[in-house]
C-alpha atoms as a PDB file:
ATOM      1  CA  MET A   1     -77.222-164.331-127.100  1.00  0.00           C
ATOM      2  CA  ILE A   2     -78.609-166.828-124.581  1.00  0.00           C
ATOM      3  CA  THR A   3     -76.229-168.500-122.167  1.00  0.00           C
ATOM      4  CA  LEU A   4     -76.919-171.261-119.687  1.00  0.00           C
ATOM      5  CA  ASP A   5     -73.911-171.476-117.394  1.00  0.00           C
ATOM      6  CA  ASN A   6     -73.839-174.837-115.592  1.00  0.00           C
ATOM      7  CA  VAL A   7     -77.621-174.774-115.273  1.00  0.00           C
ATOM      8  CA  THR A   8     -79.705-177.594-113.853  1.00  0.00           C
ATOM      9  CA  LEU A   9     -83.463-177.544-114.378  1.00  0.00           C
ATOM     10  CA  GLY A  10     -85.774-179.918-112.550  1.00  0.00           C
ATOM     11  CA  GLN A  11     -89.297-181.167-113.135  1.00  0.00           C
ATOM     12  CA  GLY A  12     -90.536-183.869-110.795  1.00  0.00           C
ATOM     13  CA  GLY A  13     -87.848-186.545-110.651  1.00  0.00           C
ATOM     14  CA  PHE A  14     -86.309-185.392-113.940  1.00  0.00           C
ATOM     15  CA  ALA A  15     -83.224-183.166-114.139  1.00  0.00           C
ATOM     16  CA  LEU A  16     -81.796-181.426-117.213  1.00  0.00           C
ATOM     17  CA  SER A  17     -78.249-180.065-117.333  1.00  0.00           C
ATOM     18  CA  ALA A  18     -77.151-177.335-119.736  1.00  0.00           C
ATOM     19  CA  ASP A  19     -73.871-175.491-120.215  1.00  0.00           C
ATOM     20  CA  VAL A  20     -74.449-173.940-123.632  1.00  0.00           C
ATOM     21  CA  THR A  21     -74.776-170.699-125.599  1.00  0.00           C
ATOM     22  CA  PHE A  22     -77.332-169.977-128.318  1.00  0.00           C
ATOM     23  CA  ARG A  23     -76.341-167.438-130.946  1.00  0.00           C
ATOM     24  CA  ARG A  24     -78.153-164.126-131.130  1.00  0.00           C
ATOM     25  CA  GLY A  25     -80.366-163.471-134.140  1.00  0.00           C
ATOM     26  CA  VAL A  26     -80.500-167.041-135.427  1.00  0.00           C
ATOM     27  CA  CYS A  27     -83.015-169.877-135.239  1.00  0.00           C
ATOM     28  CA  THR A  28     -81.958-172.950-133.294  1.00  0.00           C
ATOM     29  CA  ALA A  29     -83.984-176.144-133.607  1.00  0.00           C
ATOM     30  CA  ILE A  30     -84.178-178.155-130.388  1.00  0.00           C
ATOM     31  CA  MET A  31     -84.297-181.833-131.322  1.00  0.00           C
ATOM     32  CA  GLY A  32     -84.100-185.193-129.588  1.00  0.00           C
ATOM     33  CA  PRO A  33     -86.175-188.100-128.305  1.00  0.00           C
ATOM     34  CA  SER A  34     -89.368-187.645-126.324  1.00  0.00           C
ATOM     35  CA  GLY A  35     -88.716-187.228-122.629  1.00  0.00           C
ATOM     36  CA  GLY A  36     -85.180-185.979-123.197  1.00  0.00           C
ATOM     37  CA  GLY A  37     -85.850-182.507-121.790  1.00  0.00           C
ATOM     38  CA  LYS A  38     -86.717-180.259-124.758  1.00  0.00           C
ATOM     39  CA  SER A  39     -89.803-178.674-123.189  1.00  0.00           C
ATOM     40  CA  THR A  40     -88.017-178.470-119.844  1.00  0.00           C
ATOM     41  CA  LEU A  41     -85.328-176.348-121.483  1.00  0.00           C
ATOM     42  CA  LEU A  42     -87.832-173.871-122.927  1.00  0.00           C
ATOM     43  CA  HIS A  43     -89.842-173.671-119.712  1.00  0.00           C
ATOM     44  CA  GLY A  44     -86.646-172.960-117.783  1.00  0.00           C
ATOM     45  CA  LEU A  45     -85.636-170.189-120.181  1.00  0.00           C
ATOM     46  CA  ALA A  46     -89.122-168.664-119.945  1.00  0.00           C
ATOM     47  CA  GLY A  47     -89.034-168.743-116.136  1.00  0.00           C
ATOM     48  CA  PHE A  48     -91.755-171.332-115.532  1.00  0.00           C
ATOM     49  CA  LEU A  49     -89.181-173.708-114.048  1.00  0.00           C
ATOM     50  CA  PRO A  50     -86.614-172.337-111.579  1.00  0.00           C
ATOM     51  CA  ALA A  51     -82.958-173.173-112.093  1.00  0.00           C
ATOM     52  CA  ARG A  52     -81.686-175.466-109.362  1.00  0.00           C
ATOM     53  CA  THR A  53     -78.096-174.490-110.137  1.00  0.00           C
ATOM     54  CA  GLY A  54     -76.256-172.140-112.446  1.00  0.00           C
ATOM     55  CA  ARG A  55     -76.994-168.881-114.197  1.00  0.00           C
ATOM     56  CA  ILE A  56     -79.118-167.920-117.220  1.00  0.00           C
ATOM     57  CA  THR A  57     -78.328-164.759-119.174  1.00  0.00           C
ATOM     58  CA  VAL A  58     -80.081-163.207-122.175  1.00  0.00           C
ATOM     59  CA  ALA A  59     -78.153-160.497-124.059  1.00  0.00           C
ATOM     60  CA  GLY A  60     -75.915-160.114-121.018  1.00  0.00           C
ATOM     61  CA  LEU A  61     -78.835-159.706-118.608  1.00  0.00           C
ATOM     62  CA  ASP A  62     -79.017-162.181-115.730  1.00  0.00           C
ATOM     63  CA  VAL A  63     -82.582-163.525-115.753  1.00  0.00           C
ATOM     64  CA  THR A  64     -82.005-166.511-113.464  1.00  0.00           C
ATOM     65  CA  ASP A  65     -84.304-165.252-110.727  1.00  0.00           C
ATOM     66  CA  GLN A  66     -86.650-163.126-112.837  1.00  0.00           C
ATOM     67  CA  PRO A  67     -90.348-164.099-113.086  1.00  0.00           C
ATOM     68  CA  PRO A  68     -91.715-165.005-116.543  1.00  0.00           C
ATOM     69  CA  ALA A  69     -93.539-161.705-117.107  1.00  0.00           C
ATOM     70  CA  VAL A  70     -90.389-159.586-117.027  1.00  0.00           C
ATOM     71  CA  ARG A  71     -87.994-161.861-118.901  1.00  0.00           C
ATOM     72  CA  PRO A  72     -87.099-160.735-122.446  1.00  0.00           C
ATOM     73  CA  VAL A  73     -88.658-163.886-123.923  1.00  0.00           C
ATOM     74  CA  SER A  74     -92.021-165.073-125.242  1.00  0.00           C
ATOM     75  CA  LEU A  75     -93.063-168.739-125.187  1.00  0.00           C
ATOM     76  CA  LEU A  76     -95.571-170.161-127.663  1.00  0.00           C
ATOM     77  CA  PHE A  77     -97.056-173.519-126.678  1.00  0.00           C
ATOM     78  CA  GLN A  78     -98.216-176.344-128.949  1.00  0.00           C
ATOM     79  CA  ASP A  79    -101.906-175.824-128.131  1.00  0.00           C
ATOM     80  CA  ASN A  80    -101.679-172.064-128.873  1.00  0.00           C
ATOM     81  CA  ASN A  81    -103.444-171.165-125.576  1.00  0.00           C
ATOM     82  CA  LEU A  82    -106.157-169.098-127.238  1.00  0.00           C
ATOM     83  CA  PHE A  83    -109.068-168.310-124.912  1.00  0.00           C
ATOM     84  CA  PRO A  84    -112.258-169.681-126.507  1.00  0.00           C
ATOM     85  CA  HIS A  85    -114.564-167.044-124.976  1.00  0.00           C
ATOM     86  CA  MET A  86    -112.551-164.162-126.448  1.00  0.00           C
ATOM     87  CA  THR A  87    -112.386-162.906-130.007  1.00  0.00           C
ATOM     88  CA  ILE A  88    -109.199-163.306-131.992  1.00  0.00           C
ATOM     89  CA  ALA A  89    -108.505-159.577-131.647  1.00  0.00           C
ATOM     90  CA  GLN A  90    -108.879-159.843-127.861  1.00  0.00           C
ATOM     91  CA  ASN A  91    -106.619-162.899-127.725  1.00  0.00           C
ATOM     92  CA  VAL A  92    -103.963-161.067-129.718  1.00  0.00           C
ATOM     93  CA  GLY A  93    -104.416-157.900-127.655  1.00  0.00           C
ATOM     94  CA  LEU A  94    -103.358-159.821-124.549  1.00  0.00           C
ATOM     95  CA  GLY A  95     -99.839-159.557-125.923  1.00  0.00           C
ATOM     96  CA  LEU A  96     -99.999-155.822-125.231  1.00  0.00           C
ATOM     97  CA  ARG A  97    -102.060-155.666-122.035  1.00  0.00           C
ATOM     98  CA  PRO A  98    -103.332-158.573-119.924  1.00  0.00           C
ATOM     99  CA  ASP A  99    -106.286-156.418-118.796  1.00  0.00           C
ATOM    100  CA  LEU A 100    -107.161-155.621-122.445  1.00  0.00           C
ATOM    101  CA  LYS A 101    -107.530-151.909-121.659  1.00  0.00           C
ATOM    102  CA  LEU A 102    -105.973-150.986-124.976  1.00  0.00           C
ATOM    103  CA  THR A 103    -105.442-147.467-126.229  1.00  0.00           C
ATOM    104  CA  ASP A 104    -106.560-146.482-129.720  1.00  0.00           C
ATOM    105  CA  ASP A 105    -102.952-146.833-130.888  1.00  0.00           C
ATOM    106  CA  GLN A 106    -102.748-150.318-129.420  1.00  0.00           C
ATOM    107  CA  HIS A 107    -105.959-151.346-131.196  1.00  0.00           C
ATOM    108  CA  VAL A 108    -104.342-150.172-134.427  1.00  0.00           C
ATOM    109  CA  ARG A 109    -101.265-152.279-133.642  1.00  0.00           C
ATOM    110  CA  VAL A 110    -103.453-155.356-133.106  1.00  0.00           C
ATOM    111  CA  GLU A 111    -105.193-154.877-136.434  1.00  0.00           C
ATOM    112  CA  ALA A 112    -101.884-154.281-138.194  1.00  0.00           C
ATOM    113  CA  MET A 113    -100.415-157.457-136.710  1.00  0.00           C
ATOM    114  CA  LEU A 114    -103.482-159.481-137.723  1.00  0.00           C
ATOM    115  CA  ALA A 115    -103.097-158.174-141.271  1.00  0.00           C
ATOM    116  CA  ASP A 116     -99.389-159.025-141.254  1.00  0.00           C
ATOM    117  CA  MET A 117    -100.289-162.585-140.214  1.00  0.00           C
ATOM    118  CA  GLY A 118    -102.812-162.909-143.047  1.00  0.00           C
ATOM    119  CA  LEU A 119    -105.790-162.558-140.673  1.00  0.00           C
ATOM    120  CA  GLU A 120    -107.139-159.208-141.817  1.00  0.00           C
ATOM    121  CA  GLY A 121    -110.854-158.876-141.099  1.00  0.00           C
ATOM    122  CA  MET A 122    -110.925-161.901-138.776  1.00  0.00           C
ATOM    123  CA  GLY A 123    -110.485-160.125-135.453  1.00  0.00           C
ATOM    124  CA  ALA A 124    -114.146-160.522-134.448  1.00  0.00           C
ATOM    125  CA  ARG A 125    -114.119-164.307-134.838  1.00  0.00           C
ATOM    126  CA  ARG A 126    -113.814-166.760-131.959  1.00  0.00           C
ATOM    127  CA  PRO A 127    -111.022-169.373-131.991  1.00  0.00           C
ATOM    128  CA  ALA A 128    -113.554-172.160-132.711  1.00  0.00           C
ATOM    129  CA  ALA A 129    -114.343-170.486-136.038  1.00  0.00           C
ATOM    130  CA  MET A 130    -110.691-170.517-137.134  1.00  0.00           C
ATOM    131  CA  SER A 131    -108.765-173.224-138.948  1.00  0.00           C
ATOM    132  CA  GLY A 132    -105.725-174.766-137.308  1.00  0.00           C
ATOM    133  CA  GLY A 133    -103.397-172.632-139.385  1.00  0.00           C
ATOM    134  CA  GLN A 134    -105.332-169.460-138.616  1.00  0.00           C
ATOM    135  CA  ALA A 135    -105.266-170.217-134.889  1.00  0.00           C
ATOM    136  CA  SER A 136    -101.499-170.765-135.073  1.00  0.00           C
ATOM    137  CA  ARG A 137    -101.102-167.408-136.815  1.00  0.00           C
ATOM    138  CA  ALA A 138    -103.182-165.684-134.136  1.00  0.00           C
ATOM    139  CA  ALA A 139    -101.117-167.209-131.345  1.00  0.00           C
ATOM    140  CA  LEU A 140     -97.907-166.173-133.102  1.00  0.00           C
ATOM    141  CA  ALA A 141     -99.307-162.646-133.528  1.00  0.00           C
ATOM    142  CA  ARG A 142     -99.951-162.390-129.784  1.00  0.00           C
ATOM    143  CA  ALA A 143     -96.421-163.547-128.973  1.00  0.00           C
ATOM    144  CA  LEU A 144     -94.885-161.087-131.427  1.00  0.00           C
ATOM    145  CA  LEU A 145     -96.856-158.129-130.046  1.00  0.00           C
ATOM    146  CA  ARG A 146     -95.028-158.609-126.754  1.00  0.00           C
ATOM    147  CA  ASP A 147     -91.943-157.260-128.569  1.00  0.00           C
ATOM    148  CA  LYS A 148     -89.501-159.543-126.797  1.00  0.00           C
ATOM    149  CA  PRO A 149     -86.148-160.235-128.515  1.00  0.00           C
ATOM    150  CA  VAL A 150     -86.293-163.996-127.861  1.00  0.00           C
ATOM    151  CA  LEU A 151     -89.089-166.260-129.118  1.00  0.00           C
ATOM    152  CA  LEU A 152     -89.422-169.800-127.771  1.00  0.00           C
ATOM    153  CA  LEU A 153     -91.700-172.234-129.616  1.00  0.00           C
ATOM    154  CA  ASP A 154     -92.646-175.591-128.139  1.00  0.00           C
ATOM    155  CA  GLU A 155     -93.825-177.579-131.199  1.00  0.00           C
ATOM    156  CA  PRO A 156     -96.377-174.880-132.079  1.00  0.00           C
ATOM    157  CA  PHE A 157     -97.198-176.274-135.517  1.00  0.00           C
ATOM    158  CA  ALA A 158     -97.077-180.015-134.786  1.00  0.00           C
ATOM    159  CA  ALA A 159    -100.831-180.479-135.266  1.00  0.00           C
ATOM    160  CA  LEU A 160    -100.790-178.914-138.739  1.00  0.00           C
ATOM    161  CA  GLY A 161    -100.522-180.805-142.013  1.00  0.00           C
ATOM    162  CA  PRO A 162     -97.264-180.694-144.007  1.00  0.00           C
ATOM    163  CA  ALA A 163     -98.321-177.893-146.394  1.00  0.00           C
ATOM    164  CA  MET A 164     -99.722-175.657-143.648  1.00  0.00           C
ATOM    165  CA  ARG A 165     -96.706-176.348-141.445  1.00  0.00           C
ATOM    166  CA  ALA A 166     -94.421-175.309-144.305  1.00  0.00           C
ATOM    167  CA  ASP A 167     -96.414-172.076-144.682  1.00  0.00           C
ATOM    168  CA  MET A 168     -96.035-171.315-140.970  1.00  0.00           C
ATOM    169  CA  MET A 169     -92.293-172.010-141.105  1.00  0.00           C
ATOM    170  CA  ALA A 170     -91.933-169.597-144.020  1.00  0.00           C
ATOM    171  CA  LEU A 171     -93.964-166.970-142.153  1.00  0.00           C
ATOM    172  CA  LEU A 172     -91.877-167.434-139.013  1.00  0.00           C
ATOM    173  CA  ARG A 173     -88.651-167.119-140.975  1.00  0.00           C
ATOM    174  CA  ARG A 174     -89.844-163.837-142.531  1.00  0.00           C
ATOM    175  CA  VAL A 175     -90.942-162.400-139.187  1.00  0.00           C
ATOM    176  CA  MET A 176     -87.702-163.495-137.570  1.00  0.00           C
ATOM    177  CA  ALA A 177     -85.691-161.606-140.190  1.00  0.00           C
ATOM    178  CA  ASP A 178     -87.920-158.515-139.994  1.00  0.00           C
ATOM    179  CA  LYS A 179     -87.690-158.270-136.212  1.00  0.00           C
ATOM    180  CA  ALA A 180     -84.135-159.634-135.730  1.00  0.00           C
ATOM    181  CA  LEU A 181     -85.437-162.269-133.317  1.00  0.00           C
ATOM    182  CA  THR A 182     -83.515-165.024-131.624  1.00  0.00           C
ATOM    183  CA  VAL A 183     -85.656-168.154-131.974  1.00  0.00           C
ATOM    184  CA  LEU A 184     -85.522-171.558-130.286  1.00  0.00           C
ATOM    185  CA  ILE A 185     -88.031-174.039-131.682  1.00  0.00           C
ATOM    186  CA  VAL A 186     -88.674-177.577-130.495  1.00  0.00           C
ATOM    187  CA  SER A 187     -89.179-179.818-133.513  1.00  0.00           C
ATOM    188  CA  HIS A 188     -89.533-183.522-134.194  1.00  0.00           C
ATOM    189  CA  GLN A 189     -89.333-183.038-137.956  1.00  0.00           C
ATOM    190  CA  PRO A 190     -85.865-182.925-139.583  1.00  0.00           C
ATOM    191  CA  GLU A 191     -87.403-181.363-142.695  1.00  0.00           C
ATOM    192  CA  ASP A 192     -88.729-178.496-140.583  1.00  0.00           C
ATOM    193  CA  ALA A 193     -85.318-177.998-139.008  1.00  0.00           C
ATOM    194  CA  ALA A 194     -83.727-178.028-142.452  1.00  0.00           C
ATOM    195  CA  ARG A 195     -86.255-175.433-143.633  1.00  0.00           C
ATOM    196  CA  ILE A 196     -85.981-172.913-140.827  1.00  0.00           C
ATOM    197  CA  ALA A 197     -83.049-173.515-138.477  1.00  0.00           C
ATOM    198  CA  ASP A 198     -79.516-172.139-138.644  1.00  0.00           C
ATOM    199  CA  ASP A 199     -78.321-174.339-135.772  1.00  0.00           C
ATOM    200  CA  ILE A 200     -79.522-177.510-134.072  1.00  0.00           C
ATOM    201  CA  ALA A 201     -79.110-178.396-130.406  1.00  0.00           C
ATOM    202  CA  VAL A 202     -79.679-182.025-129.436  1.00  0.00           C
ATOM    203  CA  VAL A 203     -81.389-182.635-126.095  1.00  0.00           C
ATOM    204  CA  ALA A 204     -81.241-186.229-124.885  1.00  0.00           C
ATOM    205  CA  GLU A 205     -80.903-188.160-121.655  1.00  0.00           C
ATOM    206  CA  GLY A 206     -81.208-185.036-119.537  1.00  0.00           C
ATOM    207  CA  ARG A 207     -78.468-183.042-121.256  1.00  0.00           C
ATOM    208  CA  VAL A 208     -78.410-180.143-123.725  1.00  0.00           C
ATOM    209  CA  ALA A 209     -75.590-180.501-126.236  1.00  0.00           C
ATOM    210  CA  PRO A 210     -73.981-177.329-127.636  1.00  0.00           C
ATOM    211  CA  PRO A 211     -75.701-176.106-130.822  1.00  0.00           C
ATOM    212  CA  GLN A 212     -74.083-177.001-134.123  1.00  0.00           C
ATOM    213  CA  ASP A 213     -74.488-175.821-137.690  1.00  0.00           C
ATOM    214  CA  ARG A 214     -77.633-177.425-139.136  1.00  0.00           C
ATOM    215  CA  GLU A 215     -76.138-178.833-142.314  1.00  0.00           C
ATOM    216  CA  THR A 216     -73.090-180.233-140.553  1.00  0.00           C
ATOM    217  CA  LEU A 217     -75.131-181.912-137.833  1.00  0.00           C
ATOM    218  CA  LEU A 218     -77.799-183.394-140.106  1.00  0.00           C
ATOM    219  CA  ALA A 219     -75.105-184.756-142.428  1.00  0.00           C
ATOM    220  CA  ASN A 220     -73.480-186.583-139.523  1.00  0.00           C
ATOM    221  CA  PRO A 221     -75.943-186.727-136.604  1.00  0.00           C
ATOM    222  CA  PRO A 222     -74.717-187.806-133.161  1.00  0.00           C
ATOM    223  CA  GLY A 223     -75.862-191.159-131.816  1.00  0.00           C
ATOM    224  CA  ALA A 224     -78.844-189.908-129.827  1.00  0.00           C
ATOM    225  CA  LEU A 225     -80.235-187.968-132.774  1.00  0.00           C
ATOM    226  CA  ARG A 226     -79.440-190.720-135.259  1.00  0.00           C
ATOM    227  CA  ASP A 227     -81.282-193.274-133.147  1.00  0.00           C
ATOM    228  CA  TYR A 228     -84.259-190.936-132.845  1.00  0.00           C
ATOM    229  CA  LEU A 229     -84.427-190.112-136.554  1.00  0.00           C
ATOM    230  CA  GLY A 230     -83.923-193.758-137.511  1.00  0.00           C
END
């Protein structure tokens, strides 16, 4: 369970307020107009933006003042953040050790994760030799190897075509069930939210609304989401 208790997050002149709880073990889609604060929310949960006010807890642990590296969350960005000078195996191995001084067992874990992501035999390739979908799978593999209970995704598949995006959503849903993850995913696509999310939280005009059941909310969206979806 993730709780933001009267939290205010700031970025430049923008402020986001949140007094909400996200359910443990489910996927919540974060939706709303551009500039409303969706990425700010994820960056605050990951520790890249300090909370100006309030308290953030994850599974009962107060993480408000914890640095990103020790928080029980992983954040996957839209651009995947793969290092072009490293192989895919090295990029994924960073999820285990930033210095890449992996043990034999850890090398086995990297190869097993690559195989689980459908990337078996591709560990020696560089990111430039991968398709967009393959790069997304590699970035997801690195995040999952960190073994954190909460996974935050900031539009990680936005650059993919509809079919490939659907494949990644299906893969994410399977991994989420296998690892009992709590997932928050920023999405601009209602069809993606309908495919993967249990709940939806609307972020608009600097405020995070409490999450609601996906089907209920999409059947009768609030004004801010209705205006955005058209």
